[in-house]
């Protein structure tokens, strides 16, 4: 692995040297563009270092975790490299960087949206008193229906209790009548033996 990395570095250096020797102007132009890109990336990192620091911290913690689990350093780094992704967070452009045409367009869009929201809210508030009155009437009607249902329930409960009491009284009367009939039958049998 070390040999492959060294060979890659050597190959890139040789290609850069050949490119510089063959086409020096183009090489310098591309090198300048690469330098500007690197400086821009570094400026972004300096302006908002949290994502990079978070990625590096996560990477190191993953390596340490897998190393503690018994994997080799190489395996730990491979696992950590496949799990960590650096996500760039866009920074908000300053007001000086914005184009005046874009500012006006955004202001018009914001104004249009606010006017639309205002009209919708006014229409809703215009209809709201009617709906409120209907809801109050419906609440009164349902409250009255609940009161009537409770009265009917009380009446039906009383009727049920009266029916239950009558049923119990009839059952007692039946049991007493059966017992009395049994006693009469027993007395009649005794008398028939005597006669």
C-alpha atoms as a PDB file:
ATOM      1  CA  UNK A   1       0.000   0.000   0.000  1.00  0.00           C
ATOM      2  CA  UNK A   2       2.830   2.411   0.865  1.00  0.00           C
ATOM      3  CA  UNK A   3       4.582   1.550  -2.370  1.00  0.00           C
ATOM      4  CA  UNK A   4       1.395   2.201  -4.339  1.00  0.00           C
ATOM      5  CA  UNK A   5       0.945   5.587  -2.665  1.00  0.00           C
ATOM      6  CA  UNK A   6       4.577   6.543  -3.299  1.00  0.00           C
ATOM      7  CA  UNK A   7       4.315   5.379  -6.902  1.00  0.00           C
ATOM      8  CA  UNK A   8       1.144   7.478  -7.385  1.00  0.00           C
ATOM      9  CA  UNK A   9       2.825  10.571  -5.928  1.00  0.00           C
ATOM     10  CA  UNK A  10       5.887   9.997  -8.124  1.00  0.00           C
ATOM     11  CA  UNK A  11       3.680   9.499 -11.208  1.00  0.00           C
ATOM     12  CA  UNK A  12       1.725  12.714 -10.507  1.00  0.00           C
ATOM     13  CA  UNK A  13       4.967  14.667 -10.019  1.00  0.00           C
ATOM     14  CA  UNK A  14       6.361  13.293 -13.277  1.00  0.00           C
ATOM     15  CA  UNK A  15       3.146  14.168 -15.143  1.00  0.00           C
ATOM     16  CA  UNK A  16       3.199  17.701 -13.693  1.00  0.00           C
ATOM     17  CA  UNK A  17       6.865  18.146 -14.652  1.00  0.00           C
ATOM     18  CA  UNK A  18       6.223  16.859 -18.189  1.00  0.00           C
ATOM     19  CA  UNK A  19       3.190  19.131 -18.536  1.00  0.00           C
ATOM     20  CA  UNK A  20       5.188  22.140 -17.339  1.00  0.00           C
ATOM     21  CA  UNK A  21       8.047  21.355 -19.703  1.00  0.00           C
ATOM     22  CA  UNK A  22       5.771  20.775 -22.705  1.00  0.00           C
ATOM     23  CA  UNK A  23       3.045  23.436 -22.211  1.00  0.00           C
ATOM     24  CA  UNK A  24       4.262  25.962 -19.623  1.00  0.00           C
ATOM     25  CA  UNK A  25       1.559  28.602 -20.250  1.00  0.00           C
ATOM     26  CA  UNK A  26      -1.365  26.199 -19.984  1.00  0.00           C
ATOM     27  CA  UNK A  27       0.233  24.512 -16.954  1.00  0.00           C
ATOM     28  CA  UNK A  28       0.578  27.849 -15.142  1.00  0.00           C
ATOM     29  CA  UNK A  29      -3.016  28.816 -15.995  1.00  0.00           C
ATOM     30  CA  UNK A  30      -4.395  25.501 -14.653  1.00  0.00           C
ATOM     31  CA  UNK A  31      -2.114  25.675 -11.613  1.00  0.00           C
ATOM     32  CA  UNK A  32      -3.461  29.201 -10.904  1.00  0.00           C
ATOM     33  CA  UNK A  33      -7.058  27.952 -11.193  1.00  0.00           C
ATOM     34  CA  UNK A  34      -6.277  25.046  -8.855  1.00  0.00           C
ATOM     35  CA  UNK A  35      -4.677  27.444  -6.383  1.00  0.00           C
ATOM     36  CA  UNK A  36      -7.749  29.735  -6.472  1.00  0.00           C
ATOM     37  CA  UNK A  37     -10.035  26.758  -5.901  1.00  0.00           C
ATOM     38  CA  UNK A  38      -7.908  25.637  -2.964  1.00  0.00           C
ATOM     39  CA  UNK A  39      -7.936  29.146  -1.453  1.00  0.00           C
ATOM     40  CA  UNK A  40     -11.705  29.367  -1.903  1.00  0.00           C
ATOM     41  CA  UNK A  41     -12.179  26.017  -0.138  1.00  0.00           C
ATOM     42  CA  UNK A  42      -9.855  27.096   2.657  1.00  0.00           C
ATOM     43  CA  UNK A  43     -11.752  30.413   2.985  1.00  0.00           C
ATOM     44  CA  UNK A  44     -15.016  28.511   3.304  1.00  0.00           C
ATOM     45  CA  UNK A  45     -13.507  26.284   5.967  1.00  0.00           C
ATOM     46  CA  UNK A  46     -12.222  29.300   7.906  1.00  0.00           C
ATOM     47  CA  UNK A  47     -15.593  31.067   7.624  1.00  0.00           C
ATOM     48  CA  UNK A  48     -17.615  28.067   8.810  1.00  0.00           C
ATOM     49  CA  UNK A  49     -15.394  25.300  10.236  1.00  0.00           C
ATOM     50  CA  UNK A  50     -18.157  23.343  12.041  1.00  0.00           C
ATOM     51  CA  UNK A  51     -18.918  20.779   9.268  1.00  0.00           C
ATOM     52  CA  UNK A  52     -15.239  19.996   8.708  1.00  0.00           C
ATOM     53  CA  UNK A  53     -14.524  19.723  12.430  1.00  0.00           C
ATOM     54  CA  UNK A  54     -17.606  17.560  12.891  1.00  0.00           C
ATOM     55  CA  UNK A  55     -16.520  15.281  10.041  1.00  0.00           C
ATOM     56  CA  UNK A  56     -12.964  14.993  11.395  1.00  0.00           C
ATOM     57  CA  UNK A  57     -14.225  14.322  14.919  1.00  0.00           C
ATOM     58  CA  UNK A  58     -16.625  11.665  13.688  1.00  0.00           C
ATOM     59  CA  UNK A  59     -13.877  10.113  11.596  1.00  0.00           C
ATOM     60  CA  UNK A  60     -11.482   9.941  14.548  1.00  0.00           C
ATOM     61  CA  UNK A  61     -14.140   8.582  16.914  1.00  0.00           C
ATOM     62  CA  UNK A  62     -15.063   5.889  14.378  1.00  0.00           C
ATOM     63  CA  UNK A  63     -11.408   4.896  13.974  1.00  0.00           C
ATOM     64  CA  UNK A  64     -10.927   4.751  17.768  1.00  0.00           C
ATOM     65  CA  UNK A  65     -14.148   2.772  18.230  1.00  0.00           C
ATOM     66  CA  UNK A  66     -13.243   0.132  15.649  1.00  0.00           C
ATOM     67  CA  UNK A  67      -9.667  -0.031  16.920  1.00  0.00           C
ATOM     68  CA  UNK A  68     -11.024  -0.655  20.423  1.00  0.00           C
ATOM     69  CA  UNK A  69     -13.197  -3.469  19.030  1.00  0.00           C
ATOM     70  CA  UNK A  70     -10.022  -5.238  17.913  1.00  0.00           C
ATOM     71  CA  UNK A  71      -9.703  -4.307  14.259  1.00  0.00           C
ATOM     72  CA  UNK A  72      -6.409  -3.257  12.776  1.00  0.00           C
ATOM     73  CA  UNK A  73      -5.698   0.411  12.182  1.00  0.00           C
ATOM     74  CA  UNK A  74      -6.050  -0.086   8.427  1.00  0.00           C
ATOM     75  CA  UNK A  75      -9.468  -1.760   8.787  1.00  0.00           C
ATOM     76  CA  UNK A  76     -10.609   0.940  11.204  1.00  0.00           C
ATOM     77  CA  UNK A  77      -9.594   3.712   8.796  1.00  0.00           C
ATOM     78  CA  UNK A  78     -11.325   1.929   5.895  1.00  0.00           C
ATOM     79  CA  UNK A  79     -14.565   1.608   7.863  1.00  0.00           C
ATOM     80  CA  UNK A  80     -14.393   5.229   9.011  1.00  0.00           C
ATOM     81  CA  UNK A  81     -13.657   6.460   5.489  1.00  0.00           C
ATOM     82  CA  UNK A  82     -16.754   4.737   4.129  1.00  0.00           C
ATOM     83  CA  UNK A  83     -18.999   6.091   6.898  1.00  0.00           C
ATOM     84  CA  UNK A  84     -18.024   9.786   6.968  1.00  0.00           C
ATOM     85  CA  UNK A  85     -19.298  12.281   4.417  1.00  0.00           C
ATOM     86  CA  UNK A  86     -18.496  15.980   4.430  1.00  0.00           C
ATOM     87  CA  UNK A  87     -21.587  18.018   3.594  1.00  0.00           C
ATOM     88  CA  UNK A  88     -20.984  21.590   2.616  1.00  0.00           C
ATOM     89  CA  UNK A  89     -23.260  24.110   4.249  1.00  0.00           C
ATOM     90  CA  UNK A  90     -24.127  27.030   2.000  1.00  0.00           C
ATOM     91  CA  UNK A  91     -23.320  30.374   3.520  1.00  0.00           C
ATOM     92  CA  UNK A  92     -25.758  33.240   3.148  1.00  0.00           C
ATOM     93  CA  UNK A  93     -24.619  35.813   0.644  1.00  0.00           C
ATOM     94  CA  UNK A  94     -24.112  39.321   1.949  1.00  0.00           C
ATOM     95  CA  UNK A  95     -26.373  42.118   0.747  1.00  0.00           C
ATOM     96  CA  UNK A  96     -23.527  43.701  -1.239  1.00  0.00           C
ATOM     97  CA  UNK A  97     -23.065  40.500  -3.269  1.00  0.00           C
ATOM     98  CA  UNK A  98     -26.728  40.367  -4.351  1.00  0.00           C
ATOM     99  CA  UNK A  99     -27.791  41.747  -7.661  1.00  0.00           C
ATOM    100  CA  UNK A 100     -30.280  44.680  -7.418  1.00  0.00           C
ATOM    101  CA  UNK A 101     -32.534  42.987  -9.968  1.00  0.00           C
ATOM    102  CA  UNK A 102     -32.663  39.858  -7.822  1.00  0.00           C
ATOM    103  CA  UNK A 103     -33.382  41.985  -4.735  1.00  0.00           C
ATOM    104  CA  UNK A 104     -36.322  43.688  -6.473  1.00  0.00           C
ATOM    105  CA  UNK A 105     -37.664  40.366  -7.714  1.00  0.00           C
ATOM    106  CA  UNK A 106     -37.466  38.887  -4.232  1.00  0.00           C
ATOM    107  CA  UNK A 107     -39.178  41.966  -2.765  1.00  0.00           C
ATOM    108  CA  UNK A 108     -41.986  41.712  -5.374  1.00  0.00           C
ATOM    109  CA  UNK A 109     -42.427  38.010  -4.698  1.00  0.00           C
ATOM    110  CA  UNK A 110     -42.512  38.641  -0.949  1.00  0.00           C
ATOM    111  CA  UNK A 111     -45.029  41.477  -1.361  1.00  0.00           C
ATOM    112  CA  UNK A 112     -47.240  39.344  -3.613  1.00  0.00           C
ATOM    113  CA  UNK A 113     -47.167  36.475  -1.127  1.00  0.00           C
ATOM    114  CA  UNK A 114     -47.971  38.786   1.788  1.00  0.00           C
ATOM    115  CA  UNK A 115     -50.892  40.393  -0.102  1.00  0.00           C
ATOM    116  CA  UNK A 116     -52.216  36.930  -0.997  1.00  0.00           C
ATOM    117  CA  UNK A 117     -51.949  35.818   2.637  1.00  0.00           C
ATOM    118  CA  UNK A 118     -53.644  39.039   3.777  1.00  0.00           C
ATOM    119  CA  UNK A 119     -56.589  38.560   1.381  1.00  0.00           C
ATOM    120  CA  UNK A 120     -56.997  34.929   2.396  1.00  0.00           C
ATOM    121  CA  UNK A 121     -56.950  35.835   6.086  1.00  0.00           C
ATOM    122  CA  UNK A 122     -59.432  38.698   5.583  1.00  0.00           C
ATOM    123  CA  UNK A 123     -61.817  36.381   3.711  1.00  0.00           C
ATOM    124  CA  UNK A 124     -61.527  33.777   6.454  1.00  0.00           C
ATOM    125  CA  UNK A 125     -62.153  36.365   9.180  1.00  0.00           C
ATOM    126  CA  UNK A 126     -65.149  37.686   7.233  1.00  0.00           C
ATOM    127  CA  UNK A 127     -66.765  34.213   7.249  1.00  0.00           C
ATOM    128  CA  UNK A 128     -65.750  33.405  10.804  1.00  0.00           C
ATOM    129  CA  UNK A 129     -68.608  35.223  12.684  1.00  0.00           C
ATOM    130  CA  UNK A 130     -71.246  33.221  10.743  1.00  0.00           C
ATOM    131  CA  UNK A 131     -69.461  29.955  11.461  1.00  0.00           C
ATOM    132  CA  UNK A 132     -69.064  30.987  15.100  1.00  0.00           C
ATOM    133  CA  UNK A 133     -72.796  31.699  15.401  1.00  0.00           C
ATOM    134  CA  UNK A 134     -73.649  28.344  13.760  1.00  0.00           C
ATOM    135  CA  UNK A 135     -71.244  26.542  16.117  1.00  0.00           C
ATOM    136  CA  UNK A 136     -72.820  28.254  19.162  1.00  0.00           C
ATOM    137  CA  UNK A 137     -76.342  27.268  18.019  1.00  0.00           C
ATOM    138  CA  UNK A 138     -75.225  23.714  17.363  1.00  0.00           C
ATOM    139  CA  UNK A 139     -73.637  23.575  20.815  1.00  0.00           C
ATOM    140  CA  UNK A 140     -76.890  24.786  22.407  1.00  0.00           C
ATOM    141  CA  UNK A 141     -78.951  22.222  20.478  1.00  0.00           C
ATOM    142  CA  UNK A 142     -76.625  19.370  21.351  1.00  0.00           C
ATOM    143  CA  UNK A 143     -76.538  20.458  25.008  1.00  0.00           C
ATOM    144  CA  UNK A 144     -80.359  20.463  25.066  1.00  0.00           C
ATOM    145  CA  UNK A 145     -80.404  17.021  23.397  1.00  0.00           C
ATOM    146  CA  UNK A 146     -77.958  15.707  26.002  1.00  0.00           C
ATOM    147  CA  UNK A 147     -80.155  17.076  28.830  1.00  0.00           C
ATOM    148  CA  UNK A 148     -83.272  15.451  27.314  1.00  0.00           C
ATOM    149  CA  UNK A 149     -81.418  12.179  26.844  1.00  0.00           C
ATOM    150  CA  UNK A 150     -80.277  12.301  30.473  1.00  0.00           C
ATOM    151  CA  UNK A 151     -83.890  12.893  31.609  1.00  0.00           C
ATOM    152  CA  UNK A 152     -85.083   9.967  29.491  1.00  0.00           C
ATOM    153  CA  UNK A 153     -82.264   7.850  30.857  1.00  0.00           C
ATOM    154  CA  UNK A 154     -83.280   8.685  34.438  1.00  0.00           C
ATOM    155  CA  UNK A 155     -86.911   7.783  33.625  1.00  0.00           C
ATOM    156  CA  UNK A 156     -85.880   4.527  31.964  1.00  0.00           C
ATOM    157  CA  UNK A 157     -83.592   3.683  34.881  1.00  0.00           C
ATOM    158  CA  UNK A 158     -86.450   4.196  37.308  1.00  0.00           C
ATOM    159  CA  UNK A 159     -88.709   2.017  35.129  1.00  0.00           C
ATOM    160  CA  UNK A 160     -85.981  -0.629  34.986  1.00  0.00           C
ATOM    161  CA  UNK A 161     -85.534  -0.556  38.763  1.00  0.00           C
ATOM    162  CA  UNK A 162     -89.319  -0.873  39.271  1.00  0.00           C
ATOM    163  CA  UNK A 163     -89.444  -3.804  36.831  1.00  0.00           C
ATOM    164  CA  UNK A 164     -86.512  -5.455  38.617  1.00  0.00           C
ATOM    165  CA  UNK A 165     -88.232  -5.037  42.003  1.00  0.00           C
ATOM    166  CA  UNK A 166     -91.494  -6.501  40.610  1.00  0.00           C
ATOM    167  CA  UNK A 167     -89.567  -9.425  39.106  1.00  0.00           C
ATOM    168  CA  UNK A 168     -87.883 -10.151  42.442  1.00  0.00           C
ATOM    169  CA  UNK A 169     -91.245  -9.929  44.263  1.00  0.00           C
ATOM    170  CA  UNK A 170     -92.856 -12.320  41.771  1.00  0.00           C
ATOM    171  CA  UNK A 171     -89.961 -14.763  42.097  1.00  0.00           C
ATOM    172  CA  UNK A 172     -90.289 -14.687  45.889  1.00  0.00           C
ATOM    173  CA  UNK A 173     -94.047 -15.189  45.577  1.00  0.00           C
ATOM    174  CA  UNK A 174     -93.487 -18.138  43.206  1.00  0.00           C
ATOM    175  CA  UNK A 175     -90.942 -19.703  45.546  1.00  0.00           C
ATOM    176  CA  UNK A 176     -93.289 -19.223  48.527  1.00  0.00           C
ATOM    177  CA  UNK A 177     -96.210 -20.659  46.547  1.00  0.00           C
ATOM    178  CA  UNK A 178     -94.151 -23.693  45.497  1.00  0.00           C
ATOM    179  CA  UNK A 179     -93.100 -24.252  49.106  1.00  0.00           C
ATOM    180  CA  UNK A 180     -96.697 -23.916  50.335  1.00  0.00           C
ATOM    181  CA  UNK A 181     -97.947 -26.329  47.619  1.00  0.00           C
ATOM    182  CA  UNK A 182     -95.284 -28.836  48.654  1.00  0.00           C
ATOM    183  CA  UNK A 183     -96.380 -28.499  52.285  1.00  0.00           C
ATOM    184  CA  UNK A 184    -100.059 -28.954  51.341  1.00  0.00           C
ATOM    185  CA  UNK A 185     -99.191 -32.034  49.246  1.00  0.00           C
ATOM    186  CA  UNK A 186     -97.263 -33.487  52.174  1.00  0.00           C
ATOM    187  CA  UNK A 187    -100.194 -32.853  54.565  1.00  0.00           C
ATOM    188  CA  UNK A 188    -102.685 -34.379  52.084  1.00  0.00           C
ATOM    189  CA  UNK A 189    -100.549 -37.513  51.825  1.00  0.00           C
ATOM    190  CA  UNK A 190    -100.502 -37.831  55.615  1.00  0.00           C
ATOM    191  CA  UNK A 191    -104.280 -37.381  55.789  1.00  0.00           C
ATOM    192  CA  UNK A 192    -104.920 -39.893  52.995  1.00  0.00           C
ATOM    193  CA  UNK A 193    -102.972 -42.473  54.994  1.00  0.00           C
ATOM    194  CA  UNK A 194    -105.175 -41.845  58.017  1.00  0.00           C
ATOM    195  CA  UNK A 195    -108.475 -42.062  56.148  1.00  0.00           C
END
